[in-house]
Amino acid sequence: MREALVRNLGECINCGGCVDACRTRHGRARMTMTGPVFGRYQLRDVCRHCPDTPCVNACHLDGMHLHGGKTFVSDACRGCSKCAEACPFGMVVLLPREHHQREGFFRRVVSRARGLGNGHKPGMAEGSVAADARRCVQCGVCSHNCPVGIQVRDYAREGRIVDDTRCVKCGLCIQKCPRGTLRWDIQPEAPMPHFRADKCDLCRGFRGSACVKECPTGALARLPADARLKDLSCDLYDEFIGRYFTRGENSLSKRSPGVTRVG
């Protein structure tokens, strides 16, 4: 079920404990004290888990998933930035892959099992994008999809390895090439990408949200986006469920274009 983080401004003492708890658990604060206000209630500036899932739709590498009305970043994320560009609220950022992030027990076990299954070895040499010039037709799809603007087509035309230092190892150019021209120059697996997406997933993998748990006054609540939210505040419910996600009518979103890289 879709949920929302709502702050009762009448009970909040502005201690910032929720933000600190979020930062402690995830290595960075995925939330702020800001957000649109509806009477005495505030909808926090965190991931809205949009019903039309623009971030999931934009991901071509299986890195963003939808489950139970909530979106989350999967272990397959390779930091291509498409989800960050698609988010209408600017709630998705890219972090360095080595960014410290705590994990719940279940997620930690699953991620380690996947790592063993993929044969990943720490310290494995990084690879680069290579090309077969005989297959390249210079369509430009690879360059168009590169999140950092590398002209991959020029490398493909000459059959050269992409040695541009801006490459983030996301592999999106390989995935989108219609001719199978591009590949990784190492085997048997792709190199570790430089970045991964990060956003609020309501503390998936943990027992409860850190921000709600650590609020000393109980002012912050995780509420289902249904009639219970409507009983709390009709204005908040109408805005959150109604036109808040209608394309072309979102007057509350204020974000600058481009991708935010943190760290």
Protein backbone atom coordinates (compact mmCIF):
# COMPACT_ATOMS: atom_id res chain seq x y z
CA MET A 1 0.00 0.00 0.00
CA ARG A 2 1.18 3.48 -0.82
CA GLU A 3 2.16 5.53 2.24
CA ALA A 4 3.10 9.09 3.11
CA LEU A 5 5.31 10.69 5.76
CA VAL A 6 3.23 13.35 7.48
CA ARG A 7 4.38 15.78 10.20
CA ASN A 8 1.98 17.28 12.75
CA LEU A 9 3.30 20.82 13.07
CA GLY A 10 1.37 21.34 16.30
CA GLU A 11 3.31 18.56 18.04
CA CYS A 12 6.72 18.93 16.35
CA ILE A 13 9.42 20.73 18.36
CA ASN A 14 11.77 21.10 15.35
CA CYS A 15 14.54 19.12 17.04
CA GLY A 16 15.67 17.55 13.75
CA GLY A 17 15.85 14.12 15.36
CA CYS A 18 14.07 12.53 12.40
CA VAL A 19 16.65 13.85 9.93
CA ASP A 20 19.53 12.77 12.18
CA ALA A 21 18.06 9.29 12.52
CA CYS A 22 17.72 9.01 8.75
CA ARG A 23 21.32 10.13 8.27
CA THR A 24 22.61 7.68 10.86
CA ARG A 25 20.82 4.72 9.29
CA HIS A 26 21.46 5.43 5.62
CA GLY A 27 24.71 7.40 5.62
CA ARG A 28 22.94 10.52 4.37
CA ALA A 29 19.66 12.24 5.18
CA ARG A 30 17.09 11.15 2.64
CA MET A 31 14.63 13.68 4.04
CA THR A 32 14.51 17.32 5.11
CA MET A 33 12.35 19.42 7.42
CA THR A 34 10.71 21.05 4.40
CA GLY A 35 7.59 20.22 2.42
CA PRO A 36 4.16 21.59 1.45
CA VAL A 37 1.89 22.49 4.39
CA PHE A 38 -1.85 21.81 4.63
CA GLY A 39 -3.21 23.45 7.77
CA ARG A 40 -1.38 21.91 10.73
CA TYR A 41 0.07 19.05 8.66
CA GLN A 42 3.10 18.90 6.41
CA LEU A 43 3.87 16.42 3.65
CA ARG A 44 7.61 15.86 3.99
CA ASP A 45 9.98 16.35 1.07
CA VAL A 46 10.82 12.69 0.49
CA CYS A 47 10.05 10.19 -2.25
CA ARG A 48 6.31 10.32 -2.99
CA HIS A 49 6.16 6.76 -4.42
CA CYS A 50 4.25 8.14 -7.40
CA PRO A 51 1.48 5.86 -8.70
CA ASP A 52 2.68 6.40 -12.29
CA THR A 53 6.26 5.45 -11.22
CA PRO A 54 8.28 7.72 -13.55
CA CYS A 55 11.54 6.50 -11.98
CA VAL A 56 10.70 2.83 -12.58
CA ASN A 57 9.56 3.54 -16.13
CA ALA A 58 12.78 5.42 -16.90
CA CYS A 59 15.07 2.64 -15.66
CA HIS A 60 16.34 0.35 -18.42
CA LEU A 61 18.74 -1.67 -16.28
CA ASP A 62 16.33 -3.22 -13.72
CA GLY A 63 17.65 -0.92 -11.01
CA MET A 64 14.34 0.56 -9.82
CA HIS A 65 11.40 -1.58 -8.74
CA LEU A 66 7.82 -1.19 -7.56
CA HIS A 67 6.45 -3.46 -4.85
CA GLY A 68 3.41 -3.03 -2.65
CA GLY A 69 2.84 0.54 -3.81
CA LYS A 70 6.41 1.60 -2.93
CA THR A 71 9.39 2.15 -5.21
CA PHE A 72 12.92 1.16 -4.23
CA VAL A 73 16.42 0.95 -5.68
CA SER A 74 17.52 -2.64 -6.33
CA ASP A 75 21.00 -4.14 -6.22
CA ALA A 76 21.00 -4.08 -10.03
CA CYS A 77 21.26 -0.27 -10.11
CA ARG A 78 24.26 0.90 -12.12
CA GLY A 79 23.93 4.64 -11.60
CA CYS A 80 22.87 5.62 -15.11
CA SER A 81 20.89 8.63 -13.70
CA LYS A 82 17.73 8.05 -15.75
CA CYS A 83 15.58 7.66 -12.62
CA ALA A 84 17.00 10.88 -11.14
CA GLU A 85 16.22 12.76 -14.33
CA ALA A 86 12.67 11.35 -14.40
CA CYS A 87 11.75 12.13 -10.78
CA PRO A 88 9.41 15.15 -10.85
CA PHE A 89 10.30 16.08 -7.27
CA GLY A 90 14.09 15.71 -7.37
CA MET A 91 13.99 13.07 -4.64
CA VAL A 92 16.42 10.64 -6.32
CA VAL A 93 20.15 11.36 -6.12
CA LEU A 94 23.26 9.50 -7.25
CA LEU A 95 25.82 8.45 -4.68
CA PRO A 96 29.34 7.08 -5.09
CA ARG A 97 29.14 3.28 -5.08
CA GLU A 98 31.38 3.08 -2.02
CA HIS A 99 28.99 5.30 -0.03
CA HIS A 100 28.47 3.77 3.41
CA GLN A 101 24.95 2.52 3.87
CA ARG A 102 23.64 0.31 6.64
CA GLU A 103 21.48 -2.63 5.66
CA GLY A 104 18.78 -4.57 7.43
CA PHE A 105 19.53 -8.22 8.18
CA PHE A 106 17.37 -9.66 5.39
CA ARG A 107 18.74 -7.32 2.73
CA ARG A 108 22.32 -7.97 3.84
CA VAL A 109 21.89 -11.75 3.56
CA VAL A 110 20.27 -11.50 0.13
CA SER A 111 22.88 -9.09 -1.28
CA ARG A 112 25.74 -11.29 -0.08
CA ALA A 113 24.12 -14.37 -1.55
CA ARG A 114 23.76 -12.59 -4.89
CA GLY A 115 27.37 -11.48 -4.75
CA LEU A 116 28.56 -15.05 -4.22
CA GLY A 117 26.28 -16.30 -6.96
CA ASN A 118 27.70 -13.79 -9.42
CA GLY A 119 31.24 -14.80 -8.59
CA HIS A 120 32.17 -11.25 -7.60
CA LYS A 121 35.64 -10.90 -6.17
CA PRO A 122 36.75 -7.80 -4.28
CA GLY A 123 39.39 -5.88 -6.13
CA MET A 124 38.46 -7.22 -9.56
CA ALA A 125 39.98 -5.00 -12.26
CA GLU A 126 37.62 -2.44 -13.72
CA GLY A 127 36.61 -2.78 -17.33
CA SER A 128 35.65 -0.36 -20.05
CA VAL A 129 33.20 -0.22 -22.92
CA ALA A 130 34.63 -1.75 -26.10
CA ALA A 131 33.22 -1.71 -29.62
CA ASP A 132 33.13 -3.75 -32.82
CA ALA A 133 33.47 -1.16 -35.60
CA ARG A 134 32.18 -3.68 -38.18
CA ARG A 135 28.75 -3.72 -36.52
CA CYS A 136 28.42 0.02 -35.85
CA VAL A 137 26.04 1.92 -38.15
CA GLN A 138 26.54 5.30 -36.40
CA CYS A 139 22.92 5.56 -35.27
CA GLY A 140 23.96 7.54 -32.20
CA VAL A 141 21.73 5.68 -29.73
CA CYS A 142 24.71 5.02 -27.45
CA SER A 143 25.72 8.68 -27.29
CA HIS A 144 22.13 9.81 -26.78
CA ASN A 145 21.72 7.55 -23.74
CA CYS A 146 25.06 8.28 -22.07
CA PRO A 147 24.24 10.06 -18.78
CA VAL A 148 27.44 12.12 -18.82
CA GLY A 149 27.40 13.07 -22.51
CA ILE A 150 30.26 10.93 -23.85
CA GLN A 151 30.20 10.63 -27.64
CA VAL A 152 30.35 6.84 -27.56
CA ARG A 153 29.54 6.77 -31.27
CA ASP A 154 32.96 8.21 -32.09
CA TYR A 155 34.68 5.41 -30.19
CA ALA A 156 32.41 2.79 -31.80
CA ARG A 157 33.14 4.08 -35.30
CA GLU A 158 36.84 3.40 -34.81
CA GLY A 159 36.43 0.28 -32.70
CA ARG A 160 38.22 1.89 -29.75
CA ILE A 161 37.76 1.30 -26.03
CA VAL A 162 35.94 4.15 -24.29
CA ASP A 163 38.67 5.63 -22.10
CA ASP A 164 36.87 8.86 -21.18
CA THR A 165 37.35 9.44 -17.44
CA ARG A 166 33.74 10.65 -17.16
CA CYS A 167 32.38 7.14 -17.81
CA VAL A 168 30.46 5.93 -14.74
CA LYS A 169 30.41 2.25 -15.83
CA CYS A 170 26.61 2.11 -15.95
CA GLY A 171 26.48 0.07 -19.18
CA LEU A 172 23.41 1.85 -20.52
CA CYS A 173 25.05 2.39 -23.92
CA ILE A 174 25.64 -1.37 -24.17
CA GLN A 175 22.08 -2.12 -23.15
CA LYS A 176 20.53 0.31 -25.65
CA CYS A 177 22.73 -0.41 -28.69
CA PRO A 178 20.40 -2.00 -31.29
CA ARG A 179 23.27 -3.69 -33.15
CA GLY A 180 25.19 -5.37 -30.34
CA THR A 181 28.19 -3.23 -31.24
CA LEU A 182 29.24 -2.51 -27.66
CA ARG A 183 30.43 -4.84 -24.92
CA TRP A 184 32.54 -4.87 -21.77
CA ASP A 185 36.20 -5.55 -22.49
CA ILE A 186 36.47 -7.88 -19.48
CA GLN A 187 34.86 -11.23 -18.77
CA PRO A 188 32.87 -12.79 -17.26
CA GLU A 189 31.01 -9.84 -15.69
CA ALA A 190 30.54 -6.10 -15.92
CA PRO A 191 32.74 -3.86 -13.75
CA MET A 192 31.44 -2.27 -10.58
CA PRO A 193 29.68 0.99 -11.54
CA HIS A 194 30.86 4.26 -10.03
CA PHE A 195 27.43 5.41 -8.81
CA ARG A 196 24.12 4.10 -7.55
CA ALA A 197 20.75 5.77 -7.05
CA ASP A 198 19.50 6.57 -3.56
CA LYS A 199 16.15 7.78 -2.21
CA CYS A 200 13.72 7.26 0.63
CA ASP A 201 12.20 3.77 0.49
CA LEU A 202 10.52 3.99 3.89
CA CYS A 203 13.41 2.02 5.41
CA ARG A 204 12.86 -1.10 3.32
CA GLY A 205 14.69 -4.02 4.94
CA PHE A 206 14.37 -2.55 8.45
CA ARG A 207 11.68 -2.89 11.08
CA GLY A 208 9.97 0.46 10.80
CA SER A 209 11.17 3.88 9.66
CA ALA A 210 14.02 5.40 11.64
CA CYS A 211 12.59 8.92 11.40
CA VAL A 212 9.22 7.90 12.85
CA LYS A 213 10.79 5.72 15.53
CA GLU A 214 13.13 8.45 16.81
CA CYS A 215 10.63 11.31 16.87
CA PRO A 216 10.42 12.23 20.59
CA THR A 217 6.91 13.71 20.40
CA GLY A 218 5.28 11.35 17.92
CA ALA A 219 4.76 14.24 15.52
CA LEU A 220 5.92 12.24 12.49
CA ALA A 221 3.75 9.43 11.17
CA ARG A 222 3.80 6.97 8.29
CA LEU A 223 0.22 6.90 7.05
CA PRO A 224 -1.53 4.84 4.36
CA ALA A 225 -2.63 7.04 1.46
CA ASP A 226 -6.28 6.10 1.83
CA ALA A 227 -9.35 7.21 3.79
CA ARG A 228 -7.32 7.42 7.01
CA LEU A 229 -5.24 10.17 5.44
CA LYS A 230 -8.42 11.86 4.30
CA ASP A 231 -9.80 11.78 7.86
CA LEU A 232 -6.61 13.46 9.04
CA SER A 233 -6.76 16.30 6.51
CA CYS A 234 -9.04 16.58 3.49
CA ASP A 235 -6.77 19.22 1.93
CA LEU A 236 -3.70 17.02 2.30
CA TYR A 237 -5.55 13.98 0.95
CA ASP A 238 -6.93 15.81 -2.07
CA GLU A 239 -3.51 17.28 -2.89
CA PHE A 240 -1.61 14.04 -2.35
CA ILE A 241 -3.99 11.66 -4.07
CA GLY A 242 -5.51 14.04 -6.62
CA ARG A 243 -3.80 16.61 -8.78
CA TYR A 244 -0.47 16.33 -6.96
CA PHE A 245 0.57 13.70 -9.50
CA THR A 246 -1.38 14.94 -12.50
CA ARG A 247 1.11 15.68 -15.25
CA GLY A 248 1.38 19.36 -16.15
CA GLU A 249 -0.43 20.56 -13.00
CA ASN A 250 2.28 20.07 -10.40
CA SER A 251 2.86 23.59 -9.08
CA LEU A 252 4.46 22.40 -5.84
CA SER A 253 7.55 20.82 -7.38
CA LYS A 254 10.52 23.18 -7.49
CA ARG A 255 13.62 21.50 -8.79
CA SER A 256 16.56 22.47 -10.94
CA PRO A 257 17.27 20.45 -14.09
CA GLY A 258 20.06 17.94 -14.21
CA VAL A 259 21.33 15.20 -11.94
CA THR A 260 22.43 15.67 -8.35
CA ARG A 261 25.48 13.68 -7.36
CA VAL A 262 26.15 13.58 -3.64
CA GLY A 263 29.52 12.91 -2.09
